[in-house]
């Protein structure tokens, strides 16, 4: 694997790197140790990516920080050097790191001879630490004043934006990211975001232009689908009763079904992912940028669009209610391109190919098929 050009984002989105961080074993530890030894300049990016992956994981994280773990092992190593200077490890011995963190630390620091000391001495050091911590705990329990913990639940201010049919909204979030919210859609998010993540919840359709922040991934939750980006522009369409469509314009995103055990699907610019929830099917394809994000430039584009979806688009776009009469048994597909046109002109342009008549009565539209 070539990681010499990897960024923090590439490490986060690499399935094998994520699997190694969350579920390390001897083979993967040795594999990534060799890669990082060959590419020592990538240590900092790999370390940042590991921290991001652990924050995104729902599992309980270790109570000690990376800095505390590093300092503790340095103290143990110093003790072992002082008491075992006469012991020389075998030059042929292969030391297997215990987890991703220890592998990254070995890639950053020069390999010391203390890493090959006998297991029995490690057990003695561990025993000393356990006894020391135990005595400290007993002392504080017997002789210290009781500590009353004050449990406070932080109040998170949530913001919700809703667009009415016929209205589109341009939003700038607290991190500088920009969102265009389509008609009949809603976006909910924490007003100032959290310290380690940026999460929004979408119903409907929106185009996102995300400000890059490698320490805080940007996640869009929509109909049990999660799209994660670091600095990217992409479109998400997730209307009730339709498929979820994620289309990437720039950057890179990872898309997966929330709660699923499958690896996320990585999208590159020009690629789209369609998730058919009803059939539990995922399809990755290229996409027509005009067709997908034309709505942000006041374009209505139908390209063999099923009638129910076209009706939903027109109702949201113009704020009307459409009723169908004598609808054909066969599926009706509509095609046409309209920019900043009135509803009457749009229906006039569609009626000949779809073979229907219509009348508009304020906010009510009646369509009668031949």
Protein backbone atom coordinates (compact mmCIF):
# COMPACT_ATOMS: atom_id res chain seq x y z
CA UNK A 1 0.00 0.00 0.00
CA UNK A 2 1.33 3.47 -0.92
CA UNK A 3 0.76 5.93 1.95
CA UNK A 4 3.47 8.47 1.17
CA UNK A 5 0.83 10.88 -0.16
CA UNK A 6 -1.81 10.13 2.50
CA UNK A 7 -3.49 13.00 4.33
CA UNK A 8 -5.31 12.72 7.65
CA UNK A 9 -8.56 12.40 5.70
CA UNK A 10 -7.15 9.51 3.62
CA UNK A 11 -6.17 7.60 6.76
CA UNK A 12 -9.65 8.15 8.27
CA UNK A 13 -11.37 6.87 5.15
CA UNK A 14 -9.04 3.88 4.64
CA UNK A 15 -11.06 0.78 5.71
CA UNK A 16 -7.97 -1.27 6.63
CA UNK A 17 -6.55 1.56 8.78
CA UNK A 18 -9.90 1.97 10.57
CA UNK A 19 -10.17 -1.78 11.15
CA UNK A 20 -6.62 -1.83 12.57
CA UNK A 21 -7.33 1.06 14.98
CA UNK A 22 -10.61 -0.42 16.26
CA UNK A 23 -9.74 -4.14 16.13
CA UNK A 24 -5.92 -4.59 16.15
CA UNK A 25 -4.17 -7.95 16.00
CA UNK A 26 -0.57 -9.13 15.69
CA UNK A 27 -0.63 -9.35 11.90
CA UNK A 28 -2.17 -5.89 11.33
CA UNK A 29 0.15 -4.32 13.93
CA UNK A 30 3.24 -5.63 12.15
CA UNK A 31 1.81 -4.62 8.76
CA UNK A 32 1.16 -0.99 9.76
CA UNK A 33 4.39 -0.77 11.77
CA UNK A 34 6.40 -1.60 8.64
CA UNK A 35 4.42 0.92 6.56
CA UNK A 36 4.97 3.72 9.10
CA UNK A 37 8.68 2.88 9.47
CA UNK A 38 9.01 3.27 5.70
CA UNK A 39 7.04 6.54 5.82
CA UNK A 40 8.00 8.26 9.11
CA UNK A 41 6.76 11.62 7.79
CA UNK A 42 3.18 10.25 7.88
CA UNK A 43 3.25 9.63 11.65
CA UNK A 44 1.43 12.86 12.59
CA UNK A 45 -1.36 12.31 10.00
CA UNK A 46 -1.82 8.72 11.17
CA UNK A 47 -1.96 9.82 14.82
CA UNK A 48 -4.60 12.49 14.05
CA UNK A 49 -6.63 9.98 12.01
CA UNK A 50 -6.54 7.47 14.88
CA UNK A 51 -7.93 10.10 17.27
CA UNK A 52 -10.75 10.96 14.83
CA UNK A 53 -11.71 7.30 14.33
CA UNK A 54 -11.82 6.70 18.09
CA UNK A 55 -14.04 9.76 18.58
CA UNK A 56 -16.42 8.53 15.89
CA UNK A 57 -16.57 5.07 17.43
CA UNK A 58 -19.50 4.44 19.78
CA UNK A 59 -17.44 2.14 21.96
CA UNK A 60 -16.19 3.29 25.36
CA UNK A 61 -12.69 4.68 25.05
CA UNK A 62 -9.82 4.11 27.51
CA UNK A 63 -9.85 6.45 30.46
CA UNK A 64 -6.15 7.35 30.02
CA UNK A 65 -5.11 9.76 27.30
CA UNK A 66 -2.36 9.04 24.75
CA UNK A 67 -0.03 11.46 26.59
CA UNK A 68 -0.66 9.71 29.92
CA UNK A 69 -0.02 6.28 28.36
CA UNK A 70 3.21 7.53 26.77
CA UNK A 71 4.48 9.02 30.06
CA UNK A 72 3.59 5.85 31.99
CA UNK A 73 5.47 3.58 29.59
CA UNK A 74 8.45 5.94 29.60
CA UNK A 75 8.59 5.71 33.41
CA UNK A 76 8.39 1.91 33.26
CA UNK A 77 11.12 1.77 30.61
CA UNK A 78 13.37 3.99 32.74
CA UNK A 79 12.89 1.67 35.70
CA UNK A 80 13.66 -1.40 33.60
CA UNK A 81 16.82 0.22 32.20
CA UNK A 82 18.08 1.03 35.68
CA UNK A 83 17.57 -2.49 37.04
CA UNK A 84 18.29 -4.62 33.96
CA UNK A 85 21.26 -2.97 32.26
CA UNK A 86 23.09 -6.30 32.16
CA UNK A 87 20.31 -8.08 30.23
CA UNK A 88 20.76 -7.99 26.44
CA UNK A 89 17.78 -8.98 24.28
CA UNK A 90 18.18 -11.24 21.27
CA UNK A 91 18.86 -9.33 18.06
CA UNK A 92 16.58 -11.71 16.16
CA UNK A 93 13.59 -11.23 18.47
CA UNK A 94 10.55 -9.67 16.79
CA UNK A 95 8.57 -7.38 19.09
CA UNK A 96 4.86 -7.24 18.23
CA UNK A 97 3.11 -4.04 19.42
CA UNK A 98 -0.06 -4.53 21.46
CA UNK A 99 -2.31 -2.07 19.63
CA UNK A 100 -2.46 0.76 17.11
CA UNK A 101 -1.33 3.36 19.66
CA UNK A 102 1.82 1.45 20.61
CA UNK A 103 2.63 0.90 16.93
CA UNK A 104 2.34 4.62 16.23
CA UNK A 105 4.55 5.42 19.23
CA UNK A 106 7.20 2.97 17.95
CA UNK A 107 7.12 4.73 14.58
CA UNK A 108 7.68 8.10 16.26
CA UNK A 109 10.35 7.19 18.82
CA UNK A 110 13.69 5.41 18.17
CA UNK A 111 13.43 1.68 18.92
CA UNK A 112 14.97 1.05 22.35
CA UNK A 113 16.56 -2.16 23.59
CA UNK A 114 14.20 -2.13 26.56
CA UNK A 115 11.39 -3.39 24.36
CA UNK A 116 12.84 -6.90 24.48
CA UNK A 117 12.98 -7.39 28.27
CA UNK A 118 11.63 -10.51 29.93
CA UNK A 119 7.88 -10.82 30.60
CA UNK A 120 8.56 -11.75 34.21
CA UNK A 121 10.10 -8.37 34.90
CA UNK A 122 7.11 -6.63 33.32
CA UNK A 123 4.86 -8.53 35.67
CA UNK A 124 6.91 -7.34 38.64
CA UNK A 125 6.66 -3.72 37.48
CA UNK A 126 2.91 -4.10 36.94
CA UNK A 127 2.58 -5.55 40.44
CA UNK A 128 4.42 -2.58 41.94
CA UNK A 129 2.11 -0.16 40.14
CA UNK A 130 -1.02 -2.02 41.30
CA UNK A 131 0.15 -2.01 44.93
CA UNK A 132 1.02 1.70 44.75
CA UNK A 133 -2.35 2.64 43.28
CA UNK A 134 -4.13 0.43 45.84
CA UNK A 135 -2.36 2.00 48.84
CA UNK A 136 -3.12 5.48 47.51
CA UNK A 137 -6.79 4.61 47.12
CA UNK A 138 -7.04 3.16 50.66
CA UNK A 139 -5.32 6.21 52.14
CA UNK A 140 -7.69 8.62 50.40
CA UNK A 141 -10.70 6.48 51.42
CA UNK A 142 -9.84 6.40 55.14
CA UNK A 143 -8.31 9.84 55.70
CA UNK A 144 -9.79 12.18 53.11
CA UNK A 145 -13.03 14.12 53.32
CA UNK A 146 -15.77 12.61 51.16
CA UNK A 147 -16.02 14.15 47.72
CA UNK A 148 -19.50 14.97 46.51
CA UNK A 149 -19.70 14.79 42.73
CA UNK A 150 -21.97 17.32 41.13
CA UNK A 151 -23.66 15.84 38.09
CA UNK A 152 -24.58 18.44 35.56
CA UNK A 153 -26.05 17.78 32.15
CA UNK A 154 -24.77 20.25 29.56
CA UNK A 155 -27.53 22.06 27.76
CA UNK A 156 -27.16 21.76 24.00
CA UNK A 157 -28.95 24.44 22.03
CA UNK A 158 -30.46 22.83 18.94
CA UNK A 159 -31.39 24.83 15.85
CA UNK A 160 -33.94 23.72 13.24
CA UNK A 161 -34.43 25.29 9.83
CA UNK A 162 -37.49 24.38 7.75
CA UNK A 163 -38.25 25.53 4.21
CA UNK A 164 -41.82 25.81 3.06
CA UNK A 165 -42.86 24.53 -0.37
CA UNK A 166 -41.75 27.06 -2.97
CA UNK A 167 -38.94 28.43 -0.76
CA UNK A 168 -35.21 27.63 -0.69
CA UNK A 169 -32.86 28.73 2.08
CA UNK A 170 -29.14 29.58 2.18
CA UNK A 171 -27.50 28.90 5.57
CA UNK A 172 -24.03 29.54 7.00
CA UNK A 173 -23.23 27.29 9.98
CA UNK A 174 -21.08 28.25 12.97
CA UNK A 175 -17.98 26.57 11.47
CA UNK A 176 -18.32 28.50 8.20
CA UNK A 177 -19.85 25.60 6.24
CA UNK A 178 -22.54 26.67 3.76
CA UNK A 179 -25.83 24.86 3.11
CA UNK A 180 -28.51 25.35 0.46
CA UNK A 181 -31.72 23.80 1.78
CA UNK A 182 -34.23 22.76 -0.87
CA UNK A 183 -37.99 23.34 -0.67
CA UNK A 184 -39.96 21.17 1.75
CA UNK A 185 -36.84 20.20 3.72
CA UNK A 186 -35.52 20.59 7.27
CA UNK A 187 -32.05 20.72 8.84
CA UNK A 188 -31.42 20.28 12.58
CA UNK A 189 -28.05 20.75 14.33
CA UNK A 190 -26.31 21.96 17.48
CA UNK A 191 -25.98 25.75 17.37
CA UNK A 192 -22.21 25.83 18.00
CA UNK A 193 -21.39 22.17 17.27
CA UNK A 194 -19.43 19.99 19.70
CA UNK A 195 -15.71 20.22 20.37
CA UNK A 196 -14.87 17.00 18.52
CA UNK A 197 -17.57 16.65 15.85
CA UNK A 198 -20.04 18.44 13.60
CA UNK A 199 -23.35 16.65 13.09
CA UNK A 200 -26.51 17.70 11.24
CA UNK A 201 -29.80 15.89 10.64
CA UNK A 202 -31.49 16.27 7.27
CA UNK A 203 -34.99 15.56 6.02
CA UNK A 204 -35.41 16.35 2.34
CA UNK A 205 -32.59 17.70 0.19
CA UNK A 206 -29.59 19.96 0.75
CA UNK A 207 -26.29 20.88 -0.88
CA UNK A 208 -23.34 21.14 1.53
CA UNK A 209 -20.08 23.06 1.08
CA UNK A 210 -18.13 21.93 4.16
CA UNK A 211 -15.32 23.93 5.75
CA UNK A 212 -12.32 21.64 6.29
CA UNK A 213 -11.51 20.80 9.92
CA UNK A 214 -9.52 17.55 10.32
CA UNK A 215 -10.17 17.44 14.08
CA UNK A 216 -13.98 17.61 13.66
CA UNK A 217 -15.51 15.40 10.97
CA UNK A 218 -18.76 16.68 9.42
CA UNK A 219 -21.57 14.09 9.47
CA UNK A 220 -24.97 14.29 7.78
CA UNK A 221 -27.62 11.92 9.17
CA UNK A 222 -30.53 11.24 6.81
CA UNK A 223 -33.00 8.33 6.99
CA UNK A 224 -30.60 5.95 8.80
CA UNK A 225 -27.78 6.92 6.43
CA UNK A 226 -24.62 8.67 7.60
CA UNK A 227 -22.35 10.68 5.28
CA UNK A 228 -18.99 11.75 6.77
CA UNK A 229 -16.69 14.41 5.27
CA UNK A 230 -13.75 16.54 6.38
CA UNK A 231 -13.73 19.27 3.71
CA UNK A 232 -16.05 18.59 0.82
CA UNK A 233 -19.01 19.71 -1.31
CA UNK A 234 -21.80 17.21 -1.90
CA UNK A 235 -25.56 16.82 -2.31
CA UNK A 236 -27.83 14.64 -0.17
CA UNK A 237 -31.41 13.85 -1.18
CA UNK A 238 -33.49 11.95 1.37
CA UNK A 239 -37.24 12.41 0.94
CA UNK A 240 -39.69 10.10 2.66
CA UNK A 241 -40.68 7.19 0.44
CA UNK A 242 -37.76 7.66 -1.98
CA UNK A 243 -34.18 6.40 -2.15
CA UNK A 244 -31.35 8.24 -0.39
CA UNK A 245 -28.95 9.76 -2.93
CA UNK A 246 -25.48 11.11 -2.03
CA UNK A 247 -23.61 12.85 -4.88
CA UNK A 248 -20.03 14.08 -4.40
CA UNK A 249 -18.83 17.21 -6.22
CA UNK A 250 -15.43 17.81 -4.56
CA UNK A 251 -13.30 16.13 -1.87
CA UNK A 252 -14.12 12.70 -0.48
CA UNK A 253 -16.89 11.23 1.70
CA UNK A 254 -17.67 7.94 3.44
CA UNK A 255 -21.30 6.77 3.35
CA UNK A 256 -22.88 3.93 5.31
CA UNK A 257 -26.15 2.77 6.81
CA UNK A 258 -26.14 3.64 10.50
CA UNK A 259 -25.96 0.51 12.64
CA UNK A 260 -24.79 -1.66 9.72
CA UNK A 261 -21.65 -3.77 10.07
CA UNK A 262 -20.50 -3.27 6.46
CA UNK A 263 -17.55 -1.02 5.66
CA UNK A 264 -18.50 2.54 4.55
CA UNK A 265 -18.60 3.21 0.81
CA UNK A 266 -15.98 5.79 -0.26
CA UNK A 267 -17.00 8.27 -2.96
CA UNK A 268 -14.68 10.27 -5.20
CA UNK A 269 -15.67 13.43 -7.11
CA UNK A 270 -18.26 12.69 -9.80
CA UNK A 271 -19.55 9.56 -8.04
CA UNK A 272 -22.95 9.05 -6.45
CA UNK A 273 -24.45 6.44 -4.14
CA UNK A 274 -28.12 5.46 -4.31
CA UNK A 275 -29.49 3.63 -1.26
CA UNK A 276 -32.80 1.88 -1.92
CA UNK A 277 -34.09 1.44 1.62
CA UNK A 278 -37.16 -0.56 0.60
CA UNK A 279 -35.09 -3.14 -1.28
CA UNK A 280 -32.01 -2.79 1.00
CA UNK A 281 -29.84 -2.24 -2.06
CA UNK A 282 -26.88 0.12 -2.62
CA UNK A 283 -25.74 1.20 -6.10
CA UNK A 284 -22.63 3.30 -6.86
CA UNK A 285 -22.65 5.24 -10.16
CA UNK A 286 -21.49 8.41 -11.89
CA UNK A 287 -23.96 11.32 -11.98
CA UNK A 288 -25.03 14.26 -14.12
CA UNK A 289 -24.14 17.41 -12.14
CA UNK A 290 -26.85 19.49 -13.86
CA UNK A 291 -29.47 16.90 -13.02
CA UNK A 292 -28.42 16.55 -9.37
CA UNK A 293 -27.57 20.10 -8.29
CA UNK A 294 -29.38 22.10 -10.98
CA UNK A 295 -31.99 22.98 -8.35
CA UNK A 296 -29.41 25.20 -6.62
CA UNK A 297 -29.33 27.34 -9.80
CA UNK A 298 -33.13 27.47 -10.29
CA UNK A 299 -33.17 24.64 -12.83
CA UNK A 300 -35.94 22.02 -12.90
CA UNK A 301 -34.57 19.04 -14.82
CA UNK A 302 -36.52 15.87 -15.44
CA UNK A 303 -34.74 12.99 -17.18
CA UNK A 304 -37.01 9.97 -17.38
CA UNK A 305 -38.20 10.95 -13.90
CA UNK A 306 -41.04 8.81 -12.44
CA UNK A 307 -44.34 10.69 -12.14
CA UNK A 308 -44.56 10.54 -8.29
CA UNK A 309 -41.10 12.08 -7.93
CA UNK A 310 -41.88 14.79 -10.52
CA UNK A 311 -45.11 15.64 -8.66
CA UNK A 312 -43.17 15.96 -5.40
CA UNK A 313 -40.63 18.28 -7.09
CA UNK A 314 -43.33 20.55 -8.53
CA UNK A 315 -45.33 20.68 -5.29
CA UNK A 316 -42.24 21.67 -3.29
CA UNK A 317 -40.97 24.08 -5.94
CA UNK A 318 -44.20 26.04 -6.42
CA UNK A 319 -46.02 25.43 -3.13
CA UNK A 320 -49.06 23.76 -4.70
CA UNK A 321 -51.06 20.56 -4.30
CA UNK A 322 -51.37 18.38 -7.39
CA UNK A 323 -54.21 15.90 -7.92
CA UNK A 324 -54.03 13.23 -10.64
CA UNK A 325 -57.01 11.76 -12.49
CA UNK A 326 -57.17 8.77 -14.85
CA UNK A 327 -53.50 8.03 -14.23
CA UNK A 328 -52.23 5.36 -16.70
CA UNK A 329 -51.50 1.85 -15.44
CA UNK A 330 -48.07 1.95 -17.06
CA UNK A 331 -45.34 3.97 -15.37
CA UNK A 332 -45.18 7.58 -16.59
CA UNK A 333 -41.66 9.02 -17.07
CA UNK A 334 -41.16 12.75 -17.61
CA UNK A 335 -38.29 14.62 -19.31
CA UNK A 336 -37.66 18.34 -19.72
CA UNK A 337 -35.43 21.28 -18.69
CA UNK A 338 -36.83 24.52 -17.26
CA UNK A 339 -35.04 27.45 -15.64
CA UNK A 340 -36.92 29.97 -13.54
CA UNK A 341 -40.20 29.22 -15.35
CA UNK A 342 -43.76 29.54 -14.09
CA UNK A 343 -45.67 26.40 -13.15
CA UNK A 344 -48.01 26.93 -16.11
CA UNK A 345 -45.07 27.01 -18.55
CA UNK A 346 -43.56 23.87 -17.02
CA UNK A 347 -46.83 21.95 -17.32
CA UNK A 348 -47.31 23.22 -20.89
CA UNK A 349 -43.88 21.86 -21.75
CA UNK A 350 -44.65 18.44 -20.26
CA UNK A 351 -48.25 17.82 -21.25
CA UNK A 352 -47.73 16.82 -24.89
CA UNK A 353 -45.16 14.09 -24.24
CA UNK A 354 -47.00 12.81 -21.15
CA UNK A 355 -50.45 13.26 -22.75
CA UNK A 356 -52.40 15.12 -20.09
CA UNK A 357 -54.46 18.30 -19.63
CA UNK A 358 -54.35 20.51 -16.56
CA UNK A 359 -55.94 23.46 -14.82
CA UNK A 360 -54.52 25.64 -12.05
CA UNK A 361 -56.83 27.03 -9.34
CA UNK A 362 -54.68 29.10 -6.95
CA UNK A 363 -52.74 26.47 -4.96
CA UNK A 364 -54.59 23.48 -6.42
CA UNK A 365 -53.55 21.82 -9.66
CA UNK A 366 -55.63 19.14 -11.40
CA UNK A 367 -54.01 16.90 -14.02
CA UNK A 368 -56.19 14.73 -16.25
CA UNK A 369 -54.49 12.04 -18.35
CA UNK A 370 -55.95 11.11 -21.74
